[in-house]
N, C-alpha and C. Protein backbone atom coordinates (compact mmCIF):
# COMPACT_ATOMS: atom_id res chain seq x y z
N MET A 1 -3.68 -9.55 -8.55
CA MET A 1 -3.60 -8.14 -8.21
C MET A 1 -4.78 -7.37 -8.78
N SER A 2 -5.76 -8.04 -9.34
CA SER A 2 -6.86 -7.33 -9.99
C SER A 2 -7.63 -6.43 -9.04
N ASP A 3 -7.88 -6.89 -7.81
CA ASP A 3 -8.59 -6.04 -6.85
C ASP A 3 -7.70 -4.87 -6.43
N SER A 4 -6.39 -5.09 -6.38
CA SER A 4 -5.47 -4.01 -6.04
C SER A 4 -5.53 -2.90 -7.06
N ILE A 5 -5.74 -3.27 -8.30
CA ILE A 5 -5.79 -2.27 -9.37
C ILE A 5 -6.93 -1.29 -9.12
N THR A 6 -8.04 -1.76 -8.60
CA THR A 6 -9.16 -0.85 -8.36
C THR A 6 -9.09 -0.20 -6.99
N ARG A 7 -8.45 -0.81 -6.04
CA ARG A 7 -8.40 -0.27 -4.68
C ARG A 7 -7.20 0.62 -4.43
N ILE A 8 -6.12 0.42 -5.16
CA ILE A 8 -4.91 1.22 -4.99
C ILE A 8 -4.73 2.10 -6.23
N THR A 9 -4.59 3.39 -5.99
CA THR A 9 -4.45 4.33 -7.09
C THR A 9 -3.25 5.23 -6.84
N ALA A 10 -2.79 5.88 -7.88
CA ALA A 10 -1.70 6.84 -7.76
C ALA A 10 -1.96 7.99 -8.72
N SER A 11 -1.86 9.19 -8.19
CA SER A 11 -2.02 10.40 -9.00
C SER A 11 -1.10 11.46 -8.42
N HIS A 12 -0.44 12.20 -9.28
CA HIS A 12 0.47 13.24 -8.78
C HIS A 12 -0.27 14.29 -7.96
N GLU A 13 -1.58 14.34 -8.07
CA GLU A 13 -2.38 15.32 -7.34
C GLU A 13 -2.70 14.88 -5.91
N VAL A 14 -2.45 13.60 -5.59
CA VAL A 14 -2.75 13.08 -4.25
C VAL A 14 -1.47 12.48 -3.68
N MET A 15 -1.03 13.01 -2.56
CA MET A 15 0.15 12.51 -1.86
C MET A 15 1.37 12.40 -2.78
N LEU A 16 1.51 13.39 -3.67
CA LEU A 16 2.65 13.48 -4.58
C LEU A 16 2.85 12.24 -5.44
N GLY A 17 1.74 11.54 -5.72
CA GLY A 17 1.81 10.39 -6.62
C GLY A 17 2.09 9.06 -5.95
N LYS A 18 2.22 9.06 -4.62
CA LYS A 18 2.42 7.78 -3.94
C LYS A 18 1.15 6.95 -4.06
N PRO A 19 1.28 5.63 -4.11
CA PRO A 19 0.10 4.77 -4.17
C PRO A 19 -0.71 4.90 -2.88
N VAL A 20 -2.02 5.13 -3.04
CA VAL A 20 -2.93 5.30 -1.91
C VAL A 20 -4.14 4.39 -2.08
N VAL A 21 -4.83 4.16 -0.98
CA VAL A 21 -6.11 3.47 -1.03
C VAL A 21 -7.09 4.44 -1.68
N ARG A 22 -7.80 3.97 -2.69
CA ARG A 22 -8.71 4.83 -3.45
C ARG A 22 -9.63 5.63 -2.53
N GLY A 23 -9.82 6.88 -2.88
CA GLY A 23 -10.72 7.75 -2.15
C GLY A 23 -10.19 8.22 -0.80
N THR A 24 -8.91 7.92 -0.51
CA THR A 24 -8.32 8.34 0.76
C THR A 24 -6.95 8.95 0.49
N ARG A 25 -6.33 9.40 1.55
CA ARG A 25 -4.94 9.84 1.48
C ARG A 25 -4.05 8.87 2.26
N LEU A 26 -4.55 7.66 2.46
CA LEU A 26 -3.80 6.62 3.16
C LEU A 26 -2.87 5.92 2.17
N THR A 27 -1.57 6.10 2.35
CA THR A 27 -0.62 5.51 1.41
C THR A 27 -0.37 4.04 1.75
N VAL A 28 -0.01 3.31 0.72
CA VAL A 28 0.40 1.91 0.90
C VAL A 28 1.59 1.89 1.87
N GLU A 29 2.49 2.82 1.71
CA GLU A 29 3.66 2.91 2.59
C GLU A 29 3.25 3.03 4.05
N LEU A 30 2.29 3.88 4.36
CA LEU A 30 1.83 4.06 5.74
C LEU A 30 1.26 2.75 6.30
N LEU A 31 0.42 2.09 5.52
CA LEU A 31 -0.18 0.85 5.99
C LEU A 31 0.89 -0.21 6.24
N LEU A 32 1.85 -0.33 5.33
CA LEU A 32 2.93 -1.30 5.52
C LEU A 32 3.78 -0.95 6.73
N ARG A 33 4.05 0.34 6.92
CA ARG A 33 4.85 0.76 8.07
C ARG A 33 4.14 0.40 9.37
N LYS A 34 2.84 0.70 9.44
CA LYS A 34 2.08 0.39 10.65
C LYS A 34 2.08 -1.12 10.92
N LEU A 35 1.90 -1.92 9.88
CA LEU A 35 1.92 -3.37 10.05
C LEU A 35 3.31 -3.84 10.50
N SER A 36 4.36 -3.26 9.94
CA SER A 36 5.72 -3.67 10.32
C SER A 36 6.05 -3.26 11.75
N GLU A 37 5.36 -2.25 12.26
CA GLU A 37 5.58 -1.79 13.64
C GLU A 37 4.74 -2.59 14.63
N GLY A 38 3.96 -3.55 14.12
CA GLY A 38 3.21 -4.41 15.02
C GLY A 38 1.70 -4.20 15.04
N ALA A 39 1.21 -3.23 14.29
CA ALA A 39 -0.24 -3.04 14.22
C ALA A 39 -0.87 -4.23 13.51
N THR A 40 -2.04 -4.61 13.93
CA THR A 40 -2.77 -5.68 13.26
C THR A 40 -3.73 -5.06 12.26
N PRO A 41 -4.24 -5.85 11.33
CA PRO A 41 -5.26 -5.32 10.42
C PRO A 41 -6.45 -4.73 11.20
N ASN A 42 -6.85 -5.37 12.28
CA ASN A 42 -7.95 -4.82 13.08
C ASN A 42 -7.59 -3.48 13.69
N ASP A 43 -6.33 -3.32 14.10
CA ASP A 43 -5.88 -2.02 14.61
C ASP A 43 -6.03 -0.95 13.53
N LEU A 44 -5.60 -1.29 12.31
CA LEU A 44 -5.70 -0.32 11.21
C LEU A 44 -7.16 0.04 10.93
N LEU A 45 -8.03 -0.95 10.97
CA LEU A 45 -9.45 -0.68 10.72
C LEU A 45 -10.04 0.22 11.79
N ARG A 46 -9.56 0.09 13.02
CA ARG A 46 -10.03 0.98 14.10
C ARG A 46 -9.44 2.38 13.95
N MET A 47 -8.17 2.45 13.58
CA MET A 47 -7.49 3.75 13.44
C MET A 47 -8.03 4.56 12.27
N TYR A 48 -8.39 3.86 11.21
CA TYR A 48 -8.81 4.52 9.97
C TYR A 48 -10.16 3.95 9.54
N PRO A 49 -11.25 4.53 10.06
CA PRO A 49 -12.59 3.98 9.80
C PRO A 49 -12.98 3.91 8.32
N GLU A 50 -12.36 4.71 7.48
CA GLU A 50 -12.68 4.68 6.05
C GLU A 50 -12.04 3.47 5.35
N LEU A 51 -11.14 2.80 6.03
CA LEU A 51 -10.43 1.65 5.48
C LEU A 51 -11.29 0.39 5.58
N GLU A 52 -11.16 -0.48 4.59
CA GLU A 52 -11.82 -1.78 4.60
C GLU A 52 -10.74 -2.86 4.64
N ALA A 53 -11.11 -4.03 5.15
CA ALA A 53 -10.14 -5.13 5.22
C ALA A 53 -9.56 -5.44 3.84
N ALA A 54 -10.38 -5.36 2.81
CA ALA A 54 -9.92 -5.63 1.45
C ALA A 54 -8.87 -4.60 1.00
N ASP A 55 -8.93 -3.39 1.55
CA ASP A 55 -7.93 -2.37 1.22
C ASP A 55 -6.56 -2.77 1.75
N ILE A 56 -6.53 -3.35 2.94
CA ILE A 56 -5.26 -3.79 3.53
C ILE A 56 -4.68 -4.91 2.69
N GLN A 57 -5.51 -5.86 2.31
CA GLN A 57 -5.06 -6.95 1.45
C GLN A 57 -4.57 -6.42 0.11
N ALA A 58 -5.26 -5.43 -0.43
CA ALA A 58 -4.86 -4.85 -1.71
C ALA A 58 -3.51 -4.15 -1.58
N ALA A 59 -3.27 -3.46 -0.46
CA ALA A 59 -1.99 -2.80 -0.24
C ALA A 59 -0.86 -3.82 -0.18
N LEU A 60 -1.10 -4.93 0.50
CA LEU A 60 -0.09 -5.99 0.56
C LEU A 60 0.16 -6.60 -0.82
N ALA A 61 -0.90 -6.84 -1.55
CA ALA A 61 -0.76 -7.41 -2.90
C ALA A 61 -0.03 -6.43 -3.82
N TYR A 62 -0.35 -5.16 -3.69
CA TYR A 62 0.31 -4.14 -4.51
C TYR A 62 1.81 -4.12 -4.22
N ALA A 63 2.17 -4.09 -2.94
CA ALA A 63 3.58 -4.06 -2.57
C ALA A 63 4.31 -5.31 -3.05
N THR A 64 3.65 -6.45 -2.94
CA THR A 64 4.24 -7.70 -3.41
C THR A 64 4.50 -7.65 -4.91
N ALA A 65 3.54 -7.14 -5.66
CA ALA A 65 3.69 -7.05 -7.12
C ALA A 65 4.81 -6.10 -7.50
N VAL A 66 4.93 -4.99 -6.79
CA VAL A 66 6.00 -4.03 -7.08
C VAL A 66 7.35 -4.67 -6.80
N LEU A 67 7.48 -5.35 -5.68
CA LEU A 67 8.75 -5.99 -5.34
C LEU A 67 9.08 -7.13 -6.29
N ALA A 68 8.07 -7.82 -6.78
CA ALA A 68 8.31 -8.92 -7.71
C ALA A 68 8.90 -8.42 -9.03
N ARG A 69 8.60 -7.18 -9.40
CA ARG A 69 9.12 -6.59 -10.63
C ARG A 69 10.44 -5.88 -10.42
N GLU A 70 10.86 -5.74 -9.16
CA GLU A 70 12.09 -5.02 -8.86
C GLU A 70 13.30 -5.76 -9.44
N GLU A 71 14.20 -4.98 -9.98
CA GLU A 71 15.39 -5.56 -10.57
C GLU A 71 16.61 -5.03 -9.82
N ILE A 72 17.44 -5.95 -9.33
CA ILE A 72 18.64 -5.56 -8.60
C ILE A 72 19.81 -5.56 -9.58
N ILE A 73 20.50 -4.45 -9.62
CA ILE A 73 21.65 -4.33 -10.51
C ILE A 73 22.88 -4.12 -9.64
N GLY A 74 23.79 -5.06 -9.69
CA GLY A 74 25.02 -4.96 -8.90
C GLY A 74 26.04 -4.09 -9.60
N LEU A 75 26.80 -3.36 -8.81
CA LEU A 75 27.85 -2.52 -9.36
C LEU A 75 29.18 -3.23 -9.17
N ALA A 76 30.01 -3.17 -10.16
CA ALA A 76 31.34 -3.79 -10.08
C ALA A 76 32.17 -3.04 -9.05
N ALA A 77 32.95 -3.78 -8.28
CA ALA A 77 33.78 -3.16 -7.23
C ALA A 77 35.02 -2.53 -7.82
């Protein structure tokens, strides 16, 4: 995730603190949503010219790392 650390940033001053691609207002959430809706990485690069292929990979790596740390707590019935 080392490249993600430099490519994905979060600040309360940009997009209310959601993780974004550095220097943009493109959130990791937006990129993942577009990919889940069927957009390809090439589609994203065409839609958002400021985006680089490495940014898409960093967004995926970031999301993977966040989910890997997620803890599920079950509630007793």
